[in-house]
């Protein structure tokens, strides 16, 4: 991580734990929005911003899906890091369909953070929305960036979709809260638990949330209302990684997704949407998660699993 702008130690997956070994996630430090009333001068302009992502990362892929759903591919550039996490965290290598950083010439993601703040202390995470004009980070919180793309760039969007429609905000917020604690972050709390107690608490919440989703989706196509919203993006990014990584590596193996027919059908509906399918690179997901030395010291990447619902991606 960075301490006062200096990289001080090899990358570690666990950011912080409580006294009972529960994984605690770091809060994002850059939280600006874009608009005419922004004090830092961030305004929606084509070609001004770059989005840094990793295809392994569910949080980053939320933003990729939102960008593509809104049709902002020609407005905001995307730069993808190598999926493998090395001693200095995310790197720009150009391997396996990833990118070099042609905007800032960085070798590692942590260099982007010190460009924005030479005294930054914290982890160098993705996604990051970067402003070329002022050479700084606008935002590094995925939930904010989804709303920036949805609302702040709406005038430049080529697709007419509202991911947070009026009248559904309260329901979306309630669903998002349930998804985050029990599922999106729940799998990490299970995978990075430091004690048996912390693991059992987390895995119970993971499968409790899957049970809740199964019941909800047995009578609806979407998690909120009668349309696709940002809640569906949140659910998707964890579901599509579940059997590729979380089931085995994170010990979330109480039941496979096949035990949840409504959830599995829902995942199939989402994968049929091009913006969702384009955010999934199974090889990146497996290579990235299985590069975490604390969980997989040999670095061996499993050959499977073979998942029928991912076959259309392989054919493409």
C-alpha atoms as a PDB file:
ATOM      1  CA  UNK A   1       0.000   0.000   0.000  1.00  0.00           C
ATOM      2  CA  UNK A   2       0.947   3.658  -0.200  1.00  0.00           C
ATOM      3  CA  UNK A   3       2.044   5.594   2.873  1.00  0.00           C
ATOM      4  CA  UNK A   4       2.554   9.310   2.293  1.00  0.00           C
ATOM      5  CA  UNK A   5       2.921   8.641  -1.416  1.00  0.00           C
ATOM      6  CA  UNK A   6       5.509   5.872  -1.059  1.00  0.00           C
ATOM      7  CA  UNK A   7       4.929   2.190  -1.820  1.00  0.00           C
ATOM      8  CA  UNK A   8       5.914   0.575   1.452  1.00  0.00           C
ATOM      9  CA  UNK A   9       5.166  -3.157   1.325  1.00  0.00           C
ATOM     10  CA  UNK A  10       4.148  -5.990  -0.940  1.00  0.00           C
ATOM     11  CA  UNK A  11       0.471  -6.116  -1.874  1.00  0.00           C
ATOM     12  CA  UNK A  12      -1.707  -8.013   0.607  1.00  0.00           C
ATOM     13  CA  UNK A  13      -5.366  -9.000   0.093  1.00  0.00           C
ATOM     14  CA  UNK A  14      -6.600  -8.307   3.627  1.00  0.00           C
ATOM     15  CA  UNK A  15      -6.926  -4.606   4.257  1.00  0.00           C
ATOM     16  CA  UNK A  16      -8.004  -4.718   7.876  1.00  0.00           C
ATOM     17  CA  UNK A  17      -9.548  -7.194  10.330  1.00  0.00           C
ATOM     18  CA  UNK A  18     -11.412  -6.821  13.593  1.00  0.00           C
ATOM     19  CA  UNK A  19     -10.605  -8.641  16.826  1.00  0.00           C
ATOM     20  CA  UNK A  20     -12.642 -11.680  15.712  1.00  0.00           C
ATOM     21  CA  UNK A  21     -10.904 -12.012  12.350  1.00  0.00           C
ATOM     22  CA  UNK A  22     -13.647 -10.356  10.294  1.00  0.00           C
ATOM     23  CA  UNK A  23     -12.484  -8.815   7.015  1.00  0.00           C
ATOM     24  CA  UNK A  24     -13.006  -5.032   6.907  1.00  0.00           C
ATOM     25  CA  UNK A  25     -13.041  -3.252   3.553  1.00  0.00           C
ATOM     26  CA  UNK A  26     -11.273   0.065   3.030  1.00  0.00           C
ATOM     27  CA  UNK A  27     -13.364   3.125   2.195  1.00  0.00           C
ATOM     28  CA  UNK A  28     -12.718   4.959  -1.078  1.00  0.00           C
ATOM     29  CA  UNK A  29     -10.932   8.290  -0.793  1.00  0.00           C
ATOM     30  CA  UNK A  30     -11.867  10.179  -3.977  1.00  0.00           C
ATOM     31  CA  UNK A  31     -15.605  10.922  -4.122  1.00  0.00           C
ATOM     32  CA  UNK A  32     -16.208  13.856  -6.501  1.00  0.00           C
ATOM     33  CA  UNK A  33     -19.077  14.064  -8.989  1.00  0.00           C
ATOM     34  CA  UNK A  34     -19.235  15.726 -12.397  1.00  0.00           C
ATOM     35  CA  UNK A  35     -21.432  18.708 -13.170  1.00  0.00           C
ATOM     36  CA  UNK A  36     -21.676  22.450 -13.653  1.00  0.00           C
ATOM     37  CA  UNK A  37     -21.787  23.042  -9.892  1.00  0.00           C
ATOM     38  CA  UNK A  38     -18.621  21.033  -9.189  1.00  0.00           C
ATOM     39  CA  UNK A  39     -16.081  23.214  -7.385  1.00  0.00           C
ATOM     40  CA  UNK A  40     -13.124  21.421  -9.044  1.00  0.00           C
ATOM     41  CA  UNK A  41     -14.356  22.091 -12.559  1.00  0.00           C
ATOM     42  CA  UNK A  42     -15.262  18.536 -13.529  1.00  0.00           C
ATOM     43  CA  UNK A  43     -17.744  18.784 -16.394  1.00  0.00           C
ATOM     44  CA  UNK A  44     -19.049  16.116 -18.763  1.00  0.00           C
ATOM     45  CA  UNK A  45     -16.939  16.274 -21.933  1.00  0.00           C
ATOM     46  CA  UNK A  46     -16.138  13.658 -24.555  1.00  0.00           C
ATOM     47  CA  UNK A  47     -12.484  12.602 -24.559  1.00  0.00           C
ATOM     48  CA  UNK A  48     -11.639  14.208 -21.230  1.00  0.00           C
ATOM     49  CA  UNK A  49     -11.803  11.190 -18.900  1.00  0.00           C
ATOM     50  CA  UNK A  50     -10.272   7.738 -18.667  1.00  0.00           C
ATOM     51  CA  UNK A  51     -11.706   4.827 -16.694  1.00  0.00           C
ATOM     52  CA  UNK A  52      -9.137   2.462 -15.182  1.00  0.00           C
ATOM     53  CA  UNK A  53     -10.507  -1.054 -14.626  1.00  0.00           C
ATOM     54  CA  UNK A  54      -9.598  -4.703 -14.068  1.00  0.00           C
ATOM     55  CA  UNK A  55     -11.717  -7.441 -15.624  1.00  0.00           C
ATOM     56  CA  UNK A  56     -11.081  -9.631 -12.588  1.00  0.00           C
ATOM     57  CA  UNK A  57     -12.597  -7.014 -10.258  1.00  0.00           C
ATOM     58  CA  UNK A  58     -16.370  -7.043  -9.682  1.00  0.00           C
ATOM     59  CA  UNK A  59     -16.388  -3.445  -8.497  1.00  0.00           C
ATOM     60  CA  UNK A  60     -14.590  -2.244 -11.634  1.00  0.00           C
ATOM     61  CA  UNK A  61     -16.841  -4.306 -13.885  1.00  0.00           C
ATOM     62  CA  UNK A  62     -19.896  -2.556 -12.439  1.00  0.00           C
ATOM     63  CA  UNK A  63     -18.604   0.604 -14.080  1.00  0.00           C
ATOM     64  CA  UNK A  64     -17.795  -1.137 -17.370  1.00  0.00           C
ATOM     65  CA  UNK A  65     -21.350  -2.451 -17.610  1.00  0.00           C
ATOM     66  CA  UNK A  66     -22.836   0.966 -16.851  1.00  0.00           C
ATOM     67  CA  UNK A  67     -20.586   2.652 -19.423  1.00  0.00           C
ATOM     68  CA  UNK A  68     -21.674   0.182 -22.124  1.00  0.00           C
ATOM     69  CA  UNK A  69     -25.353   0.233 -21.187  1.00  0.00           C
ATOM     70  CA  UNK A  70     -25.321   4.021 -21.534  1.00  0.00           C
ATOM     71  CA  UNK A  71     -23.438   3.904 -24.839  1.00  0.00           C
ATOM     72  CA  UNK A  72     -20.512   5.981 -23.587  1.00  0.00           C
ATOM     73  CA  UNK A  73     -17.723   3.958 -25.196  1.00  0.00           C
ATOM     74  CA  UNK A  74     -16.745   6.829 -27.514  1.00  0.00           C
ATOM     75  CA  UNK A  75     -16.970   9.409 -24.718  1.00  0.00           C
ATOM     76  CA  UNK A  76     -14.799   7.839 -21.998  1.00  0.00           C
ATOM     77  CA  UNK A  77     -11.688   5.754 -22.696  1.00  0.00           C
ATOM     78  CA  UNK A  78     -11.079   2.497 -20.824  1.00  0.00           C
ATOM     79  CA  UNK A  79      -7.688   1.224 -19.664  1.00  0.00           C
ATOM     80  CA  UNK A  80      -7.537  -2.324 -18.261  1.00  0.00           C
ATOM     81  CA  UNK A  81      -4.787  -3.527 -15.934  1.00  0.00           C
ATOM     82  CA  UNK A  82      -3.261  -7.001 -15.868  1.00  0.00           C
ATOM     83  CA  UNK A  83      -5.542  -9.360 -13.895  1.00  0.00           C
ATOM     84  CA  UNK A  84      -2.674 -10.822 -11.869  1.00  0.00           C
ATOM     85  CA  UNK A  85      -1.923  -9.084  -8.594  1.00  0.00           C
ATOM     86  CA  UNK A  86       1.822  -8.713  -8.063  1.00  0.00           C
ATOM     87  CA  UNK A  87       3.847  -7.331  -5.193  1.00  0.00           C
ATOM     88  CA  UNK A  88       3.021  -3.772  -6.279  1.00  0.00           C
ATOM     89  CA  UNK A  89      -0.651  -4.440  -6.908  1.00  0.00           C
ATOM     90  CA  UNK A  90      -2.276  -3.743 -10.275  1.00  0.00           C
ATOM     91  CA  UNK A  91       0.143  -3.358 -13.196  1.00  0.00           C
ATOM     92  CA  UNK A  92      -0.069  -2.163 -16.797  1.00  0.00           C
ATOM     93  CA  UNK A  93       1.519  -4.908 -18.890  1.00  0.00           C
ATOM     94  CA  UNK A  94      -0.425  -5.175 -22.140  1.00  0.00           C
ATOM     95  CA  UNK A  95      -0.671  -8.959 -21.635  1.00  0.00           C
ATOM     96  CA  UNK A  96      -3.735 -11.046 -22.398  1.00  0.00           C
ATOM     97  CA  UNK A  97      -5.748  -8.267 -23.943  1.00  0.00           C
ATOM     98  CA  UNK A  98      -4.995  -5.676 -21.269  1.00  0.00           C
ATOM     99  CA  UNK A  99      -3.597  -2.197 -21.808  1.00  0.00           C
ATOM    100  CA  UNK A 100      -0.567  -0.033 -21.322  1.00  0.00           C
ATOM    101  CA  UNK A 101      -1.281   3.307 -19.690  1.00  0.00           C
ATOM    102  CA  UNK A 102      -0.968   5.610 -22.687  1.00  0.00           C
ATOM    103  CA  UNK A 103      -2.436   8.619 -20.849  1.00  0.00           C
ATOM    104  CA  UNK A 104      -0.053   8.814 -17.886  1.00  0.00           C
ATOM    105  CA  UNK A 105       2.660   6.304 -18.751  1.00  0.00           C
ATOM    106  CA  UNK A 106       2.322   4.534 -15.411  1.00  0.00           C
ATOM    107  CA  UNK A 107       3.641   1.027 -14.797  1.00  0.00           C
ATOM    108  CA  UNK A 108       1.487   0.424 -11.711  1.00  0.00           C
ATOM    109  CA  UNK A 109      -1.888   1.636 -10.554  1.00  0.00           C
ATOM    110  CA  UNK A 110      -0.420   3.097  -7.387  1.00  0.00           C
ATOM    111  CA  UNK A 111       1.437   5.624  -9.567  1.00  0.00           C
ATOM    112  CA  UNK A 112      -1.935   7.013 -10.697  1.00  0.00           C
ATOM    113  CA  UNK A 113      -2.803   7.647  -7.063  1.00  0.00           C
ATOM    114  CA  UNK A 114       0.421   9.515  -6.359  1.00  0.00           C
ATOM    115  CA  UNK A 115      -0.063  11.596  -9.498  1.00  0.00           C
ATOM    116  CA  UNK A 116      -3.391  12.695  -8.034  1.00  0.00           C
ATOM    117  CA  UNK A 117      -2.044  13.094  -4.504  1.00  0.00           C
ATOM    118  CA  UNK A 118       1.728  12.853  -3.905  1.00  0.00           C
ATOM    119  CA  UNK A 119       1.071  12.236  -0.190  1.00  0.00           C
ATOM    120  CA  UNK A 120      -1.695   9.647  -0.604  1.00  0.00           C
ATOM    121  CA  UNK A 121      -1.965   6.931   2.043  1.00  0.00           C
ATOM    122  CA  UNK A 122      -4.055   3.862   1.275  1.00  0.00           C
ATOM    123  CA  UNK A 123      -4.561   1.090  -1.234  1.00  0.00           C
ATOM    124  CA  UNK A 124      -4.444   1.696  -4.987  1.00  0.00           C
ATOM    125  CA  UNK A 125      -7.746   0.184  -6.107  1.00  0.00           C
ATOM    126  CA  UNK A 126      -9.800   0.055  -9.290  1.00  0.00           C
ATOM    127  CA  UNK A 127     -12.024   1.406 -10.709  1.00  0.00           C
ATOM    128  CA  UNK A 128     -10.671   4.926 -11.059  1.00  0.00           C
ATOM    129  CA  UNK A 129     -12.183   7.739 -13.108  1.00  0.00           C
ATOM    130  CA  UNK A 130      -9.288   9.975 -14.188  1.00  0.00           C
ATOM    131  CA  UNK A 131      -9.503  13.538 -15.513  1.00  0.00           C
ATOM    132  CA  UNK A 132      -6.950  14.271 -18.215  1.00  0.00           C
ATOM    133  CA  UNK A 133      -7.493  18.053 -18.004  1.00  0.00           C
ATOM    134  CA  UNK A 134      -6.666  18.528 -14.320  1.00  0.00           C
ATOM    135  CA  UNK A 135      -4.582  15.331 -14.082  1.00  0.00           C
ATOM    136  CA  UNK A 136      -6.283  13.967 -11.034  1.00  0.00           C
ATOM    137  CA  UNK A 137      -8.667  11.267  -9.835  1.00  0.00           C
ATOM    138  CA  UNK A 138     -12.297  12.281  -9.904  1.00  0.00           C
ATOM    139  CA  UNK A 139     -13.630   9.213  -8.133  1.00  0.00           C
ATOM    140  CA  UNK A 140     -12.523   5.709  -7.100  1.00  0.00           C
ATOM    141  CA  UNK A 141     -15.794   4.421  -5.647  1.00  0.00           C
ATOM    142  CA  UNK A 142     -17.619   2.059  -8.019  1.00  0.00           C
ATOM    143  CA  UNK A 143     -21.120   2.919  -6.798  1.00  0.00           C
ATOM    144  CA  UNK A 144     -20.425   6.621  -7.375  1.00  0.00           C
ATOM    145  CA  UNK A 145     -18.919   6.021 -10.822  1.00  0.00           C
ATOM    146  CA  UNK A 146     -21.976   4.025 -11.918  1.00  0.00           C
ATOM    147  CA  UNK A 147     -24.154   7.014 -11.000  1.00  0.00           C
ATOM    148  CA  UNK A 148     -21.729   9.451 -12.628  1.00  0.00           C
ATOM    149  CA  UNK A 149     -22.049   7.513 -15.874  1.00  0.00           C
ATOM    150  CA  UNK A 150     -25.802   7.148 -15.496  1.00  0.00           C
ATOM    151  CA  UNK A 151     -26.660  10.699 -14.442  1.00  0.00           C
ATOM    152  CA  UNK A 152     -23.716  13.076 -14.919  1.00  0.00           C
ATOM    153  CA  UNK A 153     -22.991  11.883 -18.472  1.00  0.00           C
ATOM    154  CA  UNK A 154     -26.641  11.411 -19.453  1.00  0.00           C
ATOM    155  CA  UNK A 155     -26.520  14.220 -22.016  1.00  0.00           C
ATOM    156  CA  UNK A 156     -23.673  12.471 -23.863  1.00  0.00           C
ATOM    157  CA  UNK A 157     -25.134   8.963 -23.635  1.00  0.00           C
ATOM    158  CA  UNK A 158     -26.319   7.289 -26.828  1.00  0.00           C
ATOM    159  CA  UNK A 159     -28.561   4.758 -25.092  1.00  0.00           C
ATOM    160  CA  UNK A 160     -31.780   5.751 -23.347  1.00  0.00           C
ATOM    161  CA  UNK A 161     -31.639   3.739 -20.132  1.00  0.00           C
ATOM    162  CA  UNK A 162     -32.066   4.987 -16.569  1.00  0.00           C
ATOM    163  CA  UNK A 163     -30.328   2.796 -14.012  1.00  0.00           C
ATOM    164  CA  UNK A 164     -31.850   4.606 -11.048  1.00  0.00           C
ATOM    165  CA  UNK A 165     -35.346   5.645 -12.154  1.00  0.00           C
ATOM    166  CA  UNK A 166     -37.456   8.030 -10.121  1.00  0.00           C
ATOM    167  CA  UNK A 167     -39.821   6.223  -7.806  1.00  0.00           C
ATOM    168  CA  UNK A 168     -37.558   3.204  -7.373  1.00  0.00           C
ATOM    169  CA  UNK A 169     -34.746   4.871  -5.417  1.00  0.00           C
ATOM    170  CA  UNK A 170     -35.805   3.612  -1.990  1.00  0.00           C
ATOM    171  CA  UNK A 171     -36.272   0.045  -3.207  1.00  0.00           C
ATOM    172  CA  UNK A 172     -32.972   0.133  -5.090  1.00  0.00           C
ATOM    173  CA  UNK A 173     -31.152   1.384  -1.989  1.00  0.00           C
ATOM    174  CA  UNK A 174     -32.669  -1.360   0.166  1.00  0.00           C
ATOM    175  CA  UNK A 175     -31.777  -4.086  -2.350  1.00  0.00           C
ATOM    176  CA  UNK A 176     -28.267  -2.662  -2.794  1.00  0.00           C
ATOM    177  CA  UNK A 177     -27.691  -2.714   0.956  1.00  0.00           C
ATOM    178  CA  UNK A 178     -28.768  -6.342   1.211  1.00  0.00           C
ATOM    179  CA  UNK A 179     -26.604  -7.333  -1.756  1.00  0.00           C
ATOM    180  CA  UNK A 180     -23.520  -5.515  -0.530  1.00  0.00           C
ATOM    181  CA  UNK A 181     -23.390  -6.823   3.020  1.00  0.00           C
ATOM    182  CA  UNK A 182     -24.464 -10.387   2.382  1.00  0.00           C
ATOM    183  CA  UNK A 183     -23.200 -11.082  -1.131  1.00  0.00           C
ATOM    184  CA  UNK A 184     -20.899  -8.584  -2.899  1.00  0.00           C
ATOM    185  CA  UNK A 185     -18.730  -8.097   0.182  1.00  0.00           C
ATOM    186  CA  UNK A 186     -19.948 -11.281   1.864  1.00  0.00           C
ATOM    187  CA  UNK A 187     -17.880 -13.536  -0.400  1.00  0.00           C
ATOM    188  CA  UNK A 188     -14.777 -11.521   0.493  1.00  0.00           C
ATOM    189  CA  UNK A 189     -15.618 -11.712   4.189  1.00  0.00           C
ATOM    190  CA  UNK A 190     -15.759 -15.490   3.794  1.00  0.00           C
ATOM    191  CA  UNK A 191     -12.622 -15.767   1.660  1.00  0.00           C
ATOM    192  CA  UNK A 192     -10.490 -13.499   3.817  1.00  0.00           C
ATOM    193  CA  UNK A 193     -11.879 -14.497   7.210  1.00  0.00           C
ATOM    194  CA  UNK A 194      -9.197 -14.904   9.861  1.00  0.00           C
ATOM    195  CA  UNK A 195     -11.165 -17.218  12.145  1.00  0.00           C
ATOM    196  CA  UNK A 196     -13.663 -20.044  11.817  1.00  0.00           C
ATOM    197  CA  UNK A 197     -16.303 -17.891  13.510  1.00  0.00           C
ATOM    198  CA  UNK A 198     -15.847 -15.034  11.044  1.00  0.00           C
ATOM    199  CA  UNK A 199     -15.948 -17.441   8.098  1.00  0.00           C
ATOM    200  CA  UNK A 200     -19.119 -19.197   9.261  1.00  0.00           C
ATOM    201  CA  UNK A 201     -20.883 -15.888   9.844  1.00  0.00           C
ATOM    202  CA  UNK A 202     -19.954 -14.659   6.383  1.00  0.00           C
ATOM    203  CA  UNK A 203     -20.784 -17.814   4.448  1.00  0.00           C
ATOM    204  CA  UNK A 204     -24.184 -18.028   6.166  1.00  0.00           C
ATOM    205  CA  UNK A 205     -24.936 -14.504   4.937  1.00  0.00           C
ATOM    206  CA  UNK A 206     -23.769 -15.341   1.415  1.00  0.00           C
ATOM    207  CA  UNK A 207     -26.176 -18.245   1.085  1.00  0.00           C
ATOM    208  CA  UNK A 208     -28.897 -16.433   2.990  1.00  0.00           C
ATOM    209  CA  UNK A 209     -28.698 -13.721   0.361  1.00  0.00           C
ATOM    210  CA  UNK A 210     -28.802 -16.280  -2.447  1.00  0.00           C
ATOM    211  CA  UNK A 211     -31.912 -17.800  -0.831  1.00  0.00           C
ATOM    212  CA  UNK A 212     -33.453 -14.320  -0.704  1.00  0.00           C
ATOM    213  CA  UNK A 213     -32.593 -13.672  -4.363  1.00  0.00           C
ATOM    214  CA  UNK A 214     -34.055 -17.024  -5.413  1.00  0.00           C
ATOM    215  CA  UNK A 215     -37.343 -16.228  -3.707  1.00  0.00           C
ATOM    216  CA  UNK A 216     -37.455 -12.723  -5.164  1.00  0.00           C
ATOM    217  CA  UNK A 217     -36.572 -13.808  -8.717  1.00  0.00           C
ATOM    218  CA  UNK A 218     -39.031 -16.695  -8.730  1.00  0.00           C
ATOM    219  CA  UNK A 219     -41.721 -14.067  -9.361  1.00  0.00           C
ATOM    220  CA  UNK A 220     -39.830 -11.298 -11.171  1.00  0.00           C
ATOM    221  CA  UNK A 221     -37.353 -10.793 -14.001  1.00  0.00           C
ATOM    222  CA  UNK A 222     -35.380  -8.088 -12.163  1.00  0.00           C
ATOM    223  CA  UNK A 223     -34.420  -7.397  -8.571  1.00  0.00           C
ATOM    224  CA  UNK A 224     -36.215  -4.051  -8.368  1.00  0.00           C
ATOM    225  CA  UNK A 225     -39.363  -2.974 -10.162  1.00  0.00           C
ATOM    226  CA  UNK A 226     -40.106  -4.160 -13.678  1.00  0.00           C
ATOM    227  CA  UNK A 227     -36.873  -3.063 -15.330  1.00  0.00           C
ATOM    228  CA  UNK A 228     -33.118  -3.421 -15.218  1.00  0.00           C
ATOM    229  CA  UNK A 229     -31.482  -1.127 -12.646  1.00  0.00           C
ATOM    230  CA  UNK A 230     -28.142  -0.627 -10.952  1.00  0.00           C
ATOM    231  CA  UNK A 231     -29.143  -3.361  -8.465  1.00  0.00           C
ATOM    232  CA  UNK A 232     -28.973  -5.939 -11.257  1.00  0.00           C
ATOM    233  CA  UNK A 233     -25.458  -4.810 -12.109  1.00  0.00           C
ATOM    234  CA  UNK A 234     -24.450  -5.309  -8.472  1.00  0.00           C
ATOM    235  CA  UNK A 235     -25.910  -8.804  -8.334  1.00  0.00           C
ATOM    236  CA  UNK A 236     -24.449  -9.843 -11.687  1.00  0.00           C
ATOM    237  CA  UNK A 237     -20.796  -9.077 -10.991  1.00  0.00           C
ATOM    238  CA  UNK A 238     -20.727 -11.412  -7.995  1.00  0.00           C
ATOM    239  CA  UNK A 239     -22.939 -14.095  -9.533  1.00  0.00           C
ATOM    240  CA  UNK A 240     -20.797 -14.438 -12.661  1.00  0.00           C
ATOM    241  CA  UNK A 241     -17.644 -14.888 -10.523  1.00  0.00           C
ATOM    242  CA  UNK A 242     -19.271 -17.185  -7.995  1.00  0.00           C
ATOM    243  CA  UNK A 243     -18.387 -20.584  -9.452  1.00  0.00           C
ATOM    244  CA  UNK A 244     -15.255 -19.338 -11.226  1.00  0.00           C
ATOM    245  CA  UNK A 245     -13.607 -18.201  -7.983  1.00  0.00           C
ATOM    246  CA  UNK A 246     -15.687 -17.747  -4.852  1.00  0.00           C
ATOM    247  CA  UNK A 247     -17.119 -21.275  -4.657  1.00  0.00           C
ATOM    248  CA  UNK A 248     -13.694 -22.906  -4.435  1.00  0.00           C
ATOM    249  CA  UNK A 249     -11.034 -20.328  -3.580  1.00  0.00           C
ATOM    250  CA  UNK A 250     -13.198 -18.364  -1.115  1.00  0.00           C
ATOM    251  CA  UNK A 251     -14.785 -21.532   0.361  1.00  0.00           C
ATOM    252  CA  UNK A 252     -18.334 -20.439  -0.549  1.00  0.00           C
ATOM    253  CA  UNK A 253     -19.181 -24.046  -1.384  1.00  0.00           C
ATOM    254  CA  UNK A 254     -22.298 -24.807   0.616  1.00  0.00           C
ATOM    255  CA  UNK A 255     -24.324 -25.054  -2.605  1.00  0.00           C
ATOM    256  CA  UNK A 256     -23.596 -24.428  -6.323  1.00  0.00           C
ATOM    257  CA  UNK A 257     -25.632 -21.967  -8.369  1.00  0.00           C
ATOM    258  CA  UNK A 258     -27.488 -24.894  -9.921  1.00  0.00           C
ATOM    259  CA  UNK A 259     -29.321 -25.157  -6.578  1.00  0.00           C
ATOM    260  CA  UNK A 260     -30.906 -21.794  -7.425  1.00  0.00           C
ATOM    261  CA  UNK A 261     -32.845 -22.187 -10.703  1.00  0.00           C
ATOM    262  CA  UNK A 262     -34.429 -18.718 -10.637  1.00  0.00           C
ATOM    263  CA  UNK A 263     -31.059 -17.089  -9.925  1.00  0.00           C
ATOM    264  CA  UNK A 264     -29.394 -19.116 -12.670  1.00  0.00           C
ATOM    265  CA  UNK A 265     -32.090 -18.129 -15.181  1.00  0.00           C
ATOM    266  CA  UNK A 266     -31.633 -14.500 -14.146  1.00  0.00           C
ATOM    267  CA  UNK A 267     -27.872 -14.759 -14.682  1.00  0.00           C
ATOM    268  CA  UNK A 268     -28.571 -16.134 -18.159  1.00  0.00           C
ATOM    269  CA  UNK A 269     -30.867 -13.196 -18.958  1.00  0.00           C
ATOM    270  CA  UNK A 270     -28.169 -10.750 -17.935  1.00  0.00           C
ATOM    271  CA  UNK A 271     -25.450 -12.553 -19.903  1.00  0.00           C
ATOM    272  CA  UNK A 272     -27.669 -12.237 -22.991  1.00  0.00           C
ATOM    273  CA  UNK A 273     -27.315  -8.437 -22.750  1.00  0.00           C
ATOM    274  CA  UNK A 274     -24.162  -7.409 -24.687  1.00  0.00           C
ATOM    275  CA  UNK A 275     -23.038  -4.823 -22.112  1.00  0.00           C
ATOM    276  CA  UNK A 276     -22.974  -7.511 -19.418  1.00  0.00           C
ATOM    277  CA  UNK A 277     -21.369 -10.227 -21.536  1.00  0.00           C
ATOM    278  CA  UNK A 278     -18.610  -7.862 -22.702  1.00  0.00           C
ATOM    279  CA  UNK A 279     -17.563  -7.244 -19.087  1.00  0.00           C
ATOM    280  CA  UNK A 280     -16.829 -10.933 -18.428  1.00  0.00           C
ATOM    281  CA  UNK A 281     -13.442 -12.471 -19.169  1.00  0.00           C
ATOM    282  CA  UNK A 282     -13.369 -15.833 -17.402  1.00  0.00           C
ATOM    283  CA  UNK A 283      -9.638 -16.249 -18.016  1.00  0.00           C
ATOM    284  CA  UNK A 284      -8.939 -12.905 -16.315  1.00  0.00           C
ATOM    285  CA  UNK A 285     -11.196 -13.769 -13.387  1.00  0.00           C
ATOM    286  CA  UNK A 286      -9.464 -17.076 -12.716  1.00  0.00           C
ATOM    287  CA  UNK A 287      -5.951 -15.771 -13.377  1.00  0.00           C
ATOM    288  CA  UNK A 288      -6.518 -12.825 -11.062  1.00  0.00           C
ATOM    289  CA  UNK A 289      -8.093 -14.552  -8.098  1.00  0.00           C
ATOM    290  CA  UNK A 290      -5.743 -17.527  -8.216  1.00  0.00           C
ATOM    291  CA  UNK A 291      -2.763 -15.138  -8.246  1.00  0.00           C
ATOM    292  CA  UNK A 292      -3.564 -14.156  -4.627  1.00  0.00           C
ATOM    293  CA  UNK A 293      -0.632 -15.811  -2.849  1.00  0.00           C
ATOM    294  CA  UNK A 294      -2.274 -15.730   0.569  1.00  0.00           C
ATOM    295  CA  UNK A 295      -5.023 -18.033  -0.745  1.00  0.00           C
ATOM    296  CA  UNK A 296      -3.154 -19.931  -3.483  1.00  0.00           C
ATOM    297  CA  UNK A 297       0.596 -19.954  -2.795  1.00  0.00           C
ATOM    298  CA  UNK A 298       1.435 -22.246  -5.731  1.00  0.00           C
ATOM    299  CA  UNK A 299      -0.249 -19.939  -8.246  1.00  0.00           C
ATOM    300  CA  UNK A 300      -1.822 -22.905 -10.051  1.00  0.00           C
ATOM    301  CA  UNK A 301      -4.950 -21.875 -11.970  1.00  0.00           C
ATOM    302  CA  UNK A 302      -7.615 -24.614 -12.183  1.00  0.00           C
ATOM    303  CA  UNK A 303      -8.691 -25.931 -15.566  1.00  0.00           C
ATOM    304  CA  UNK A 304     -12.390 -25.679 -14.729  1.00  0.00           C
ATOM    305  CA  UNK A 305     -15.118 -25.311 -13.971  1.00  0.00           C
ATOM    306  CA  UNK A 306     -16.962 -25.872 -17.237  1.00  0.00           C
ATOM    307  CA  UNK A 307     -20.122 -23.786 -16.919  1.00  0.00           C
ATOM    308  CA  UNK A 308     -22.875 -24.041 -19.500  1.00  0.00           C
ATOM    309  CA  UNK A 309     -24.007 -20.471 -18.990  1.00  0.00           C
ATOM    310  CA  UNK A 310     -20.561 -19.190 -20.055  1.00  0.00           C
ATOM    311  CA  UNK A 311     -20.411 -21.163 -23.306  1.00  0.00           C
ATOM    312  CA  UNK A 312     -21.755 -18.253 -25.436  1.00  0.00           C
ATOM    313  CA  UNK A 313     -18.818 -16.122 -24.209  1.00  0.00           C
ATOM    314  CA  UNK A 314     -16.287 -18.738 -25.292  1.00  0.00           C
ATOM    315  CA  UNK A 315     -17.939 -19.032 -28.700  1.00  0.00           C
ATOM    316  CA  UNK A 316     -17.748 -15.274 -29.161  1.00  0.00           C
END
